[in-house]
Amino acid sequence: MSGYTPSGPFVSGNPPGLDSPFFNNIENWIQQFEGDAGSVSVNGQTSGTATLYQVVQATVKHVVVHLVNYRNSSAQTIALPAAFTDRAIVQVGETNASQIAFLSSGTAVNIKVFTSLSASGGTQTTQTNIAQWSFGQIDAAWDTLQLKTSGGSGGAYGVIIIEGF
């Protein structure tokens, strides 16, 4: 947290006593770090749920999306409690043929999706969605996660993890 001036050291029974700027700063940090906005869920249009947890909402951000028997028949979106302002890494588990896109004001941003790995590095392709069992880098600020259908049957039990700024 920028601008914070330490108030300690603290010793039981000695000054400084309760210090409102100190405790207000701690409260602000806890709220940013723990993702005080809670979770955001959507019901699959066919079955199940997709729940987004933004557990870190400060400059560095961490999002986990939990799919439980999730299946949809068309695109669904989940707005983030705190938008990403720069690049992020994404790891996608099972989505049962749903494509994942990251939107900025309704427009899909580019994702560099890893296509192969080797001892000397890897290769990628730039596109606006990412499929199950993939990982890549989101190249821009974004504020909304989009789950898009591209076939498949049955519900997905998967996890999507996004970390960045």
N, C-alpha and C. Protein backbone atom coordinates (compact mmCIF):
# COMPACT_ATOMS: atom_id res chain seq x y z
N MET A 1 0.86 -1.16 0.00
CA MET A 1 0.00 0.00 0.00
C MET A 1 0.91 1.23 0.00
N SER A 2 0.73 2.10 -0.93
CA SER A 2 1.58 3.28 -1.00
C SER A 2 1.18 4.31 0.05
N GLY A 3 2.15 5.08 0.51
CA GLY A 3 1.88 6.17 1.43
C GLY A 3 1.74 5.77 2.88
N TYR A 4 1.94 4.51 3.21
CA TYR A 4 1.77 4.06 4.58
C TYR A 4 3.03 4.35 5.39
N THR A 5 2.85 4.91 6.57
CA THR A 5 3.96 5.17 7.49
C THR A 5 3.78 4.25 8.70
N PRO A 6 4.76 3.37 8.97
CA PRO A 6 4.63 2.47 10.13
C PRO A 6 4.44 3.24 11.43
N SER A 7 3.62 2.69 12.34
CA SER A 7 3.33 3.31 13.62
C SER A 7 4.05 2.64 14.77
N GLY A 8 4.60 1.46 14.60
CA GLY A 8 5.20 0.67 15.68
C GLY A 8 6.59 1.14 16.03
N PRO A 9 7.29 0.41 16.87
CA PRO A 9 6.92 -0.92 17.33
C PRO A 9 5.88 -0.84 18.44
N PHE A 10 5.09 -1.91 18.54
CA PHE A 10 4.05 -1.97 19.55
C PHE A 10 4.49 -2.88 20.68
N VAL A 11 4.23 -2.46 21.90
CA VAL A 11 4.53 -3.24 23.10
C VAL A 11 3.26 -3.25 23.95
N SER A 12 2.85 -4.43 24.39
CA SER A 12 1.62 -4.54 25.18
C SER A 12 1.65 -3.60 26.38
N GLY A 13 0.56 -2.85 26.56
CA GLY A 13 0.41 -1.97 27.72
C GLY A 13 1.15 -0.66 27.61
N ASN A 14 1.85 -0.38 26.53
CA ASN A 14 2.61 0.87 26.37
C ASN A 14 2.11 1.64 25.16
N PRO A 15 2.38 2.96 25.12
CA PRO A 15 2.03 3.74 23.93
C PRO A 15 2.85 3.24 22.74
N PRO A 16 2.48 3.45 21.51
CA PRO A 16 1.25 4.15 21.16
C PRO A 16 0.04 3.26 21.37
N GLY A 17 -1.04 3.89 21.76
CA GLY A 17 -2.29 3.15 21.96
C GLY A 17 -2.97 2.92 20.62
N LEU A 18 -4.28 2.82 20.66
CA LEU A 18 -5.01 2.66 19.41
C LEU A 18 -4.74 3.86 18.52
N ASP A 19 -4.41 3.60 17.26
CA ASP A 19 -4.04 4.64 16.32
C ASP A 19 -4.92 4.48 15.08
N SER A 20 -5.90 5.37 14.89
CA SER A 20 -6.87 5.20 13.81
C SER A 20 -6.22 5.15 12.43
N PRO A 21 -5.23 6.02 12.09
CA PRO A 21 -4.64 5.87 10.75
C PRO A 21 -3.99 4.50 10.55
N PHE A 22 -3.34 3.99 11.57
CA PHE A 22 -2.71 2.67 11.47
C PHE A 22 -3.76 1.59 11.21
N PHE A 23 -4.80 1.55 12.04
CA PHE A 23 -5.81 0.51 11.89
C PHE A 23 -6.66 0.69 10.63
N ASN A 24 -6.92 1.92 10.21
CA ASN A 24 -7.64 2.14 8.95
C ASN A 24 -6.83 1.64 7.77
N ASN A 25 -5.52 1.86 7.80
CA ASN A 25 -4.66 1.35 6.72
C ASN A 25 -4.65 -0.18 6.70
N ILE A 26 -4.61 -0.79 7.88
CA ILE A 26 -4.67 -2.26 7.93
C ILE A 26 -5.99 -2.75 7.37
N GLU A 27 -7.10 -2.14 7.76
CA GLU A 27 -8.41 -2.52 7.24
C GLU A 27 -8.46 -2.39 5.72
N ASN A 28 -7.96 -1.28 5.18
CA ASN A 28 -7.96 -1.09 3.72
C ASN A 28 -7.15 -2.18 3.04
N TRP A 29 -5.99 -2.51 3.60
CA TRP A 29 -5.14 -3.56 3.00
C TRP A 29 -5.85 -4.91 3.04
N ILE A 30 -6.47 -5.24 4.16
CA ILE A 30 -7.17 -6.52 4.27
C ILE A 30 -8.30 -6.58 3.24
N GLN A 31 -9.06 -5.50 3.10
CA GLN A 31 -10.17 -5.50 2.14
C GLN A 31 -9.65 -5.69 0.72
N GLN A 32 -8.56 -5.03 0.35
CA GLN A 32 -8.00 -5.18 -0.99
C GLN A 32 -7.48 -6.59 -1.19
N PHE A 33 -6.79 -7.12 -0.20
CA PHE A 33 -6.15 -8.41 -0.36
C PHE A 33 -7.13 -9.57 -0.37
N GLU A 34 -8.12 -9.55 0.50
CA GLU A 34 -8.99 -10.70 0.61
C GLU A 34 -10.12 -10.70 -0.42
N GLY A 35 -10.20 -9.68 -1.24
CA GLY A 35 -11.28 -9.64 -2.21
C GLY A 35 -12.60 -9.43 -1.53
N ASP A 36 -12.72 -8.32 -0.85
CA ASP A 36 -13.86 -8.04 0.02
C ASP A 36 -15.20 -8.06 -0.71
N ALA A 37 -15.18 -7.99 -2.04
CA ALA A 37 -16.44 -7.98 -2.78
C ALA A 37 -17.10 -9.36 -2.81
N GLY A 38 -16.40 -10.41 -2.34
CA GLY A 38 -16.98 -11.75 -2.33
C GLY A 38 -16.92 -12.40 -3.69
N SER A 39 -17.83 -13.32 -3.94
CA SER A 39 -17.84 -14.05 -5.21
C SER A 39 -18.97 -13.57 -6.10
N VAL A 40 -18.84 -13.88 -7.39
CA VAL A 40 -19.86 -13.55 -8.38
C VAL A 40 -20.17 -14.84 -9.12
N SER A 41 -21.45 -15.24 -9.15
CA SER A 41 -21.83 -16.50 -9.79
C SER A 41 -22.83 -16.27 -10.91
N VAL A 42 -22.75 -17.15 -11.91
CA VAL A 42 -23.79 -17.22 -12.93
C VAL A 42 -24.23 -18.67 -13.02
N ASN A 43 -25.51 -18.87 -13.25
CA ASN A 43 -26.03 -20.20 -13.49
C ASN A 43 -25.86 -20.52 -14.96
N GLY A 44 -25.38 -21.73 -15.26
CA GLY A 44 -25.31 -22.15 -16.65
C GLY A 44 -26.70 -22.16 -17.23
N GLN A 45 -26.81 -21.78 -18.49
CA GLN A 45 -28.13 -21.74 -19.10
C GLN A 45 -28.68 -23.15 -19.31
N THR A 46 -27.78 -24.15 -19.37
CA THR A 46 -28.20 -25.54 -19.50
C THR A 46 -28.11 -26.25 -18.16
N SER A 47 -26.99 -26.03 -17.42
CA SER A 47 -26.85 -26.64 -16.10
C SER A 47 -25.69 -26.02 -15.34
N GLY A 48 -25.67 -26.23 -14.02
CA GLY A 48 -24.53 -25.88 -13.18
C GLY A 48 -24.31 -24.40 -12.95
N THR A 49 -23.13 -24.11 -12.35
CA THR A 49 -22.75 -22.74 -12.03
C THR A 49 -21.29 -22.48 -12.37
N ALA A 50 -21.00 -21.21 -12.60
CA ALA A 50 -19.63 -20.72 -12.71
C ALA A 50 -19.50 -19.62 -11.67
N THR A 51 -18.57 -19.79 -10.73
CA THR A 51 -18.39 -18.81 -9.65
C THR A 51 -17.01 -18.22 -9.74
N LEU A 52 -16.94 -16.89 -9.80
CA LEU A 52 -15.68 -16.16 -9.88
C LEU A 52 -15.35 -15.60 -8.50
N TYR A 53 -14.13 -15.92 -8.03
CA TYR A 53 -13.62 -15.39 -6.77
C TYR A 53 -12.41 -14.52 -7.11
N GLN A 54 -12.48 -13.23 -6.83
CA GLN A 54 -11.31 -12.37 -7.01
C GLN A 54 -10.73 -12.15 -5.62
N VAL A 55 -9.80 -13.04 -5.26
CA VAL A 55 -9.32 -13.07 -3.88
C VAL A 55 -8.24 -12.04 -3.59
N VAL A 56 -7.63 -11.47 -4.62
CA VAL A 56 -6.71 -10.35 -4.44
C VAL A 56 -7.15 -9.27 -5.43
N GLN A 57 -7.46 -8.06 -4.92
CA GLN A 57 -8.01 -6.99 -5.75
C GLN A 57 -7.17 -5.73 -5.73
N ALA A 58 -5.94 -5.81 -5.26
CA ALA A 58 -5.08 -4.63 -5.18
C ALA A 58 -4.37 -4.45 -6.53
N THR A 59 -3.17 -3.88 -6.54
CA THR A 59 -2.41 -3.72 -7.79
C THR A 59 -2.19 -5.08 -8.43
N VAL A 60 -1.74 -6.06 -7.65
CA VAL A 60 -1.65 -7.44 -8.11
C VAL A 60 -3.02 -8.07 -7.90
N LYS A 61 -3.47 -8.85 -8.87
CA LYS A 61 -4.80 -9.44 -8.79
C LYS A 61 -4.72 -10.95 -8.98
N HIS A 62 -5.63 -11.67 -8.32
CA HIS A 62 -5.71 -13.13 -8.43
C HIS A 62 -7.18 -13.52 -8.50
N VAL A 63 -7.53 -14.25 -9.55
CA VAL A 63 -8.91 -14.68 -9.77
C VAL A 63 -8.94 -16.20 -9.93
N VAL A 64 -9.93 -16.83 -9.29
CA VAL A 64 -10.18 -18.25 -9.48
C VAL A 64 -11.65 -18.39 -9.89
N VAL A 65 -11.89 -19.13 -10.97
CA VAL A 65 -13.25 -19.40 -11.42
C VAL A 65 -13.49 -20.90 -11.24
N HIS A 66 -14.56 -21.23 -10.53
CA HIS A 66 -14.90 -22.62 -10.23
C HIS A 66 -16.13 -23.00 -11.04
N LEU A 67 -15.98 -24.00 -11.91
CA LEU A 67 -17.09 -24.49 -12.72
C LEU A 67 -17.61 -25.78 -12.09
N VAL A 68 -18.90 -25.81 -11.79
CA VAL A 68 -19.52 -26.99 -11.19
C VAL A 68 -20.67 -27.43 -12.10
N ASN A 69 -20.44 -28.50 -12.85
CA ASN A 69 -21.43 -29.01 -13.81
C ASN A 69 -21.91 -27.89 -14.74
N TYR A 70 -21.01 -26.96 -15.07
CA TYR A 70 -21.38 -25.77 -15.83
C TYR A 70 -21.50 -26.08 -17.31
N ARG A 71 -22.61 -25.67 -17.87
CA ARG A 71 -22.83 -25.76 -19.32
C ARG A 71 -23.76 -24.62 -19.70
N ASN A 72 -23.41 -23.95 -20.79
CA ASN A 72 -24.27 -22.87 -21.25
C ASN A 72 -24.58 -23.05 -22.72
N SER A 73 -25.64 -22.43 -23.18
CA SER A 73 -26.06 -22.56 -24.57
C SER A 73 -25.66 -21.35 -25.41
N SER A 74 -25.20 -20.29 -24.78
CA SER A 74 -24.69 -19.12 -25.50
C SER A 74 -23.72 -18.39 -24.57
N ALA A 75 -23.13 -17.31 -25.03
CA ALA A 75 -22.13 -16.60 -24.24
C ALA A 75 -22.73 -16.03 -22.96
N GLN A 76 -21.98 -16.17 -21.86
CA GLN A 76 -22.34 -15.55 -20.58
C GLN A 76 -21.14 -14.75 -20.09
N THR A 77 -21.41 -13.65 -19.40
CA THR A 77 -20.32 -12.82 -18.89
C THR A 77 -20.39 -12.69 -17.37
N ILE A 78 -19.21 -12.47 -16.78
CA ILE A 78 -19.10 -12.19 -15.35
C ILE A 78 -18.20 -10.97 -15.21
N ALA A 79 -18.75 -9.87 -14.69
CA ALA A 79 -17.96 -8.66 -14.47
C ALA A 79 -17.06 -8.86 -13.25
N LEU A 80 -15.83 -8.39 -13.34
CA LEU A 80 -14.89 -8.49 -12.22
C LEU A 80 -15.20 -7.44 -11.16
N PRO A 81 -15.00 -7.77 -9.89
CA PRO A 81 -15.12 -6.74 -8.85
C PRO A 81 -14.09 -5.63 -9.04
N ALA A 82 -12.85 -5.99 -9.45
CA ALA A 82 -11.78 -5.01 -9.70
C ALA A 82 -11.12 -5.38 -11.03
N ALA A 83 -11.17 -4.48 -12.00
CA ALA A 83 -10.64 -4.74 -13.34
C ALA A 83 -9.12 -4.92 -13.33
N PHE A 84 -8.62 -5.77 -14.22
CA PHE A 84 -7.19 -5.87 -14.46
C PHE A 84 -6.78 -4.65 -15.27
N THR A 85 -5.62 -4.09 -15.00
CA THR A 85 -5.17 -2.87 -15.68
C THR A 85 -3.98 -3.11 -16.60
N ASP A 86 -3.47 -4.34 -16.63
CA ASP A 86 -2.31 -4.67 -17.46
C ASP A 86 -2.34 -6.17 -17.76
N ARG A 87 -1.21 -6.75 -18.02
CA ARG A 87 -1.10 -8.15 -18.43
C ARG A 87 -1.41 -9.12 -17.30
N ALA A 88 -1.76 -10.36 -17.71
CA ALA A 88 -2.04 -11.42 -16.75
C ALA A 88 -1.74 -12.77 -17.39
N ILE A 89 -1.50 -13.75 -16.55
CA ILE A 89 -1.33 -15.14 -16.98
C ILE A 89 -2.63 -15.87 -16.68
N VAL A 90 -3.05 -16.75 -17.61
CA VAL A 90 -4.28 -17.52 -17.41
C VAL A 90 -3.98 -19.01 -17.60
N GLN A 91 -4.56 -19.82 -16.71
CA GLN A 91 -4.50 -21.28 -16.80
C GLN A 91 -5.94 -21.77 -16.83
N VAL A 92 -6.26 -22.61 -17.81
CA VAL A 92 -7.63 -23.07 -17.97
C VAL A 92 -7.67 -24.59 -17.85
N GLY A 93 -8.49 -25.08 -16.93
CA GLY A 93 -8.72 -26.52 -16.80
C GLY A 93 -9.88 -26.93 -17.67
N GLU A 94 -10.70 -27.86 -17.18
CA GLU A 94 -11.83 -28.37 -17.95
C GLU A 94 -12.92 -27.31 -18.09
N THR A 95 -13.35 -27.06 -19.33
CA THR A 95 -14.47 -26.16 -19.56
C THR A 95 -15.52 -26.81 -20.47
N ASN A 96 -15.29 -28.05 -20.87
CA ASN A 96 -16.21 -28.80 -21.72
C ASN A 96 -16.57 -28.03 -22.99
N ALA A 97 -15.55 -27.65 -23.73
CA ALA A 97 -15.67 -26.98 -25.03
C ALA A 97 -16.08 -25.53 -24.96
N SER A 98 -16.26 -24.97 -23.76
CA SER A 98 -16.51 -23.54 -23.68
C SER A 98 -15.21 -22.80 -23.95
N GLN A 99 -15.29 -21.73 -24.70
CA GLN A 99 -14.15 -20.85 -24.95
C GLN A 99 -14.20 -19.72 -23.94
N ILE A 100 -13.04 -19.27 -23.47
CA ILE A 100 -12.96 -18.19 -22.50
C ILE A 100 -12.42 -16.96 -23.23
N ALA A 101 -13.08 -15.83 -23.03
CA ALA A 101 -12.59 -14.56 -23.58
C ALA A 101 -12.53 -13.55 -22.44
N PHE A 102 -11.69 -12.55 -22.61
CA PHE A 102 -11.51 -11.49 -21.62
C PHE A 102 -11.87 -10.18 -22.31
N LEU A 103 -12.86 -9.49 -21.76
CA LEU A 103 -13.41 -8.32 -22.43
C LEU A 103 -13.01 -7.03 -21.74
N SER A 104 -12.77 -6.01 -22.55
CA SER A 104 -12.55 -4.66 -22.07
C SER A 104 -13.64 -3.80 -22.69
N SER A 105 -14.55 -3.30 -21.87
CA SER A 105 -15.70 -2.52 -22.35
C SER A 105 -16.44 -3.26 -23.46
N GLY A 106 -16.60 -4.58 -23.30
CA GLY A 106 -17.37 -5.38 -24.24
C GLY A 106 -16.60 -5.93 -25.42
N THR A 107 -15.33 -5.58 -25.59
CA THR A 107 -14.52 -6.04 -26.72
C THR A 107 -13.46 -7.02 -26.23
N ALA A 108 -13.33 -8.15 -26.91
CA ALA A 108 -12.35 -9.17 -26.54
C ALA A 108 -10.93 -8.65 -26.77
N VAL A 109 -10.06 -8.89 -25.77
CA VAL A 109 -8.65 -8.51 -25.88
C VAL A 109 -7.84 -9.72 -26.32
N ASN A 110 -6.61 -9.47 -26.78
CA ASN A 110 -5.75 -10.54 -27.27
C ASN A 110 -5.18 -11.38 -26.13
N ILE A 111 -5.06 -12.67 -26.42
CA ILE A 111 -4.42 -13.63 -25.52
C ILE A 111 -3.35 -14.34 -26.32
N LYS A 112 -2.14 -14.41 -25.79
CA LYS A 112 -1.09 -15.22 -26.40
C LYS A 112 -1.21 -16.61 -25.81
N VAL A 113 -1.75 -17.55 -26.59
CA VAL A 113 -1.99 -18.91 -26.12
C VAL A 113 -0.79 -19.77 -26.47
N PHE A 114 -0.22 -20.44 -25.46
CA PHE A 114 0.93 -21.30 -25.68
C PHE A 114 0.50 -22.50 -26.52
N THR A 115 1.27 -22.79 -27.60
CA THR A 115 0.94 -23.92 -28.47
C THR A 115 1.94 -25.04 -28.36
N SER A 116 3.16 -24.76 -27.90
CA SER A 116 4.13 -25.83 -27.67
C SER A 116 5.21 -25.32 -26.73
N LEU A 117 5.81 -26.27 -26.01
CA LEU A 117 6.91 -25.96 -25.11
C LEU A 117 8.11 -26.81 -25.48
N SER A 118 9.29 -26.25 -25.29
CA SER A 118 10.52 -27.00 -25.53
C SER A 118 11.57 -26.53 -24.54
N ALA A 119 12.71 -27.19 -24.53
CA ALA A 119 13.79 -26.82 -23.62
C ALA A 119 14.31 -25.42 -23.90
N SER A 120 14.17 -24.94 -25.13
CA SER A 120 14.68 -23.62 -25.48
C SER A 120 13.61 -22.54 -25.46
N GLY A 121 12.42 -22.87 -25.01
CA GLY A 121 11.33 -21.89 -24.96
C GLY A 121 10.05 -22.50 -25.51
N GLY A 122 9.17 -21.67 -25.97
CA GLY A 122 7.90 -22.16 -26.48
C GLY A 122 7.41 -21.31 -27.63
N THR A 123 6.26 -21.69 -28.16
CA THR A 123 5.63 -20.91 -29.21
C THR A 123 4.21 -20.60 -28.79
N GLN A 124 3.66 -19.58 -29.40
CA GLN A 124 2.31 -19.14 -29.06
C GLN A 124 1.60 -18.66 -30.30
N THR A 125 0.30 -18.56 -30.19
CA THR A 125 -0.50 -17.93 -31.22
C THR A 125 -1.38 -16.89 -30.53
N THR A 126 -1.58 -15.74 -31.16
CA THR A 126 -2.38 -14.67 -30.57
C THR A 126 -3.81 -14.79 -31.09
N GLN A 127 -4.75 -14.84 -30.15
CA GLN A 127 -6.16 -14.95 -30.50
C GLN A 127 -6.99 -14.28 -29.41
N THR A 128 -8.30 -14.24 -29.58
CA THR A 128 -9.16 -13.54 -28.61
C THR A 128 -9.93 -14.48 -27.70
N ASN A 129 -9.59 -15.78 -27.71
CA ASN A 129 -10.20 -16.71 -26.76
C ASN A 129 -9.20 -17.81 -26.43
N ILE A 130 -9.49 -18.53 -25.36
CA ILE A 130 -8.64 -19.63 -24.94
C ILE A 130 -9.53 -20.81 -24.59
N ALA A 131 -9.09 -22.01 -24.94
CA ALA A 131 -9.89 -23.22 -24.74
C ALA A 131 -9.45 -23.97 -23.49
N GLN A 132 -10.19 -25.04 -23.19
CA GLN A 132 -9.83 -25.85 -22.03
C GLN A 132 -8.44 -26.46 -22.20
N TRP A 133 -7.82 -26.79 -21.07
CA TRP A 133 -6.50 -27.41 -20.99
C TRP A 133 -5.44 -26.55 -21.65
N SER A 134 -5.56 -25.23 -21.53
CA SER A 134 -4.62 -24.29 -22.16
C SER A 134 -4.10 -23.30 -21.14
N PHE A 135 -3.01 -22.63 -21.50
CA PHE A 135 -2.56 -21.49 -20.71
C PHE A 135 -1.94 -20.47 -21.63
N GLY A 136 -1.92 -19.21 -21.16
CA GLY A 136 -1.43 -18.13 -22.00
C GLY A 136 -1.30 -16.83 -21.22
N GLN A 137 -1.09 -15.76 -21.99
CA GLN A 137 -0.93 -14.43 -21.40
C GLN A 137 -1.95 -13.48 -22.01
N ILE A 138 -2.71 -12.82 -21.15
CA ILE A 138 -3.66 -11.80 -21.57
C ILE A 138 -2.86 -10.52 -21.73
N ASP A 139 -2.99 -9.87 -22.88
CA ASP A 139 -2.09 -8.77 -23.22
C ASP A 139 -2.59 -7.37 -22.93
N ALA A 140 -3.72 -7.21 -22.28
CA ALA A 140 -4.26 -5.87 -22.08
C ALA A 140 -5.14 -5.81 -20.84
N ALA A 141 -5.54 -4.62 -20.49
CA ALA A 141 -6.50 -4.43 -19.40
C ALA A 141 -7.83 -5.08 -19.79
N TRP A 142 -8.55 -5.60 -18.80
CA TRP A 142 -9.87 -6.19 -19.06
C TRP A 142 -10.71 -6.13 -17.79
N ASP A 143 -12.04 -6.19 -17.98
CA ASP A 143 -12.95 -6.02 -16.85
C ASP A 143 -14.04 -7.09 -16.74
N THR A 144 -14.15 -7.96 -17.75
CA THR A 144 -15.23 -8.94 -17.78
C THR A 144 -14.74 -10.26 -18.35
N LEU A 145 -15.11 -11.36 -17.70
CA LEU A 145 -14.82 -12.70 -18.19
C LEU A 145 -16.01 -13.17 -19.01
N GLN A 146 -15.76 -13.78 -20.17
CA GLN A 146 -16.85 -14.29 -20.99
C GLN A 146 -16.66 -15.78 -21.21
N LEU A 147 -17.69 -16.55 -20.94
CA LEU A 147 -17.72 -17.99 -21.21
C LEU A 147 -18.58 -18.20 -22.45
N LYS A 148 -17.96 -18.71 -23.52
CA LYS A 148 -18.67 -18.88 -24.80
C LYS A 148 -18.78 -20.36 -25.13
N THR A 149 -19.90 -20.75 -25.69
CA THR A 149 -20.12 -22.14 -26.08
C THR A 149 -19.56 -22.39 -27.48
N SER A 150 -18.91 -23.54 -27.63
CA SER A 150 -18.45 -23.94 -28.97
C SER A 150 -18.65 -25.44 -29.15
N GLY A 151 -19.75 -25.96 -28.66
CA GLY A 151 -20.02 -27.39 -28.78
C GLY A 151 -19.84 -28.09 -27.46
N GLY A 152 -19.68 -29.40 -27.52
CA GLY A 152 -19.50 -30.18 -26.30
C GLY A 152 -20.84 -30.56 -25.70
N SER A 153 -20.78 -31.54 -24.82
CA SER A 153 -22.01 -31.96 -24.15
C SER A 153 -21.67 -32.28 -22.71
N GLY A 154 -22.64 -32.18 -21.85
CA GLY A 154 -22.41 -32.40 -20.43
C GLY A 154 -21.83 -31.17 -19.77
N GLY A 155 -21.85 -31.17 -18.45
CA GLY A 155 -21.35 -30.04 -17.69
C GLY A 155 -19.87 -30.17 -17.39
N ALA A 156 -19.22 -29.03 -17.20
CA ALA A 156 -17.78 -28.99 -16.90
C ALA A 156 -17.57 -28.84 -15.40
N TYR A 157 -16.57 -29.54 -14.90
CA TYR A 157 -16.12 -29.42 -13.51
C TYR A 157 -14.67 -28.95 -13.59
N GLY A 158 -14.47 -27.65 -13.70
CA GLY A 158 -13.12 -27.16 -13.93
C GLY A 158 -12.76 -25.93 -13.12
N VAL A 159 -11.52 -25.50 -13.34
CA VAL A 159 -10.97 -24.35 -12.66
C VAL A 159 -10.25 -23.48 -13.68
N ILE A 160 -10.42 -22.18 -13.55
CA ILE A 160 -9.68 -21.20 -14.36
C ILE A 160 -8.96 -20.30 -13.35
N ILE A 161 -7.65 -20.11 -13.56
CA ILE A 161 -6.86 -19.27 -12.65
C ILE A 161 -6.24 -18.15 -13.45
N ILE A 162 -6.38 -16.91 -12.97
CA ILE A 162 -5.82 -15.73 -13.63
C ILE A 162 -5.07 -14.92 -12.60
N GLU A 163 -3.81 -14.58 -12.91
CA GLU A 163 -2.99 -13.75 -12.03
C GLU A 163 -2.32 -12.68 -12.86
N GLY A 164 -2.29 -11.48 -12.34
CA GLY A 164 -1.64 -10.39 -13.06
C GLY A 164 -1.85 -9.06 -12.37
N PHE A 165 -1.93 -8.02 -13.20
CA PHE A 165 -2.01 -6.65 -12.70
C PHE A 165 -3.22 -5.92 -13.23
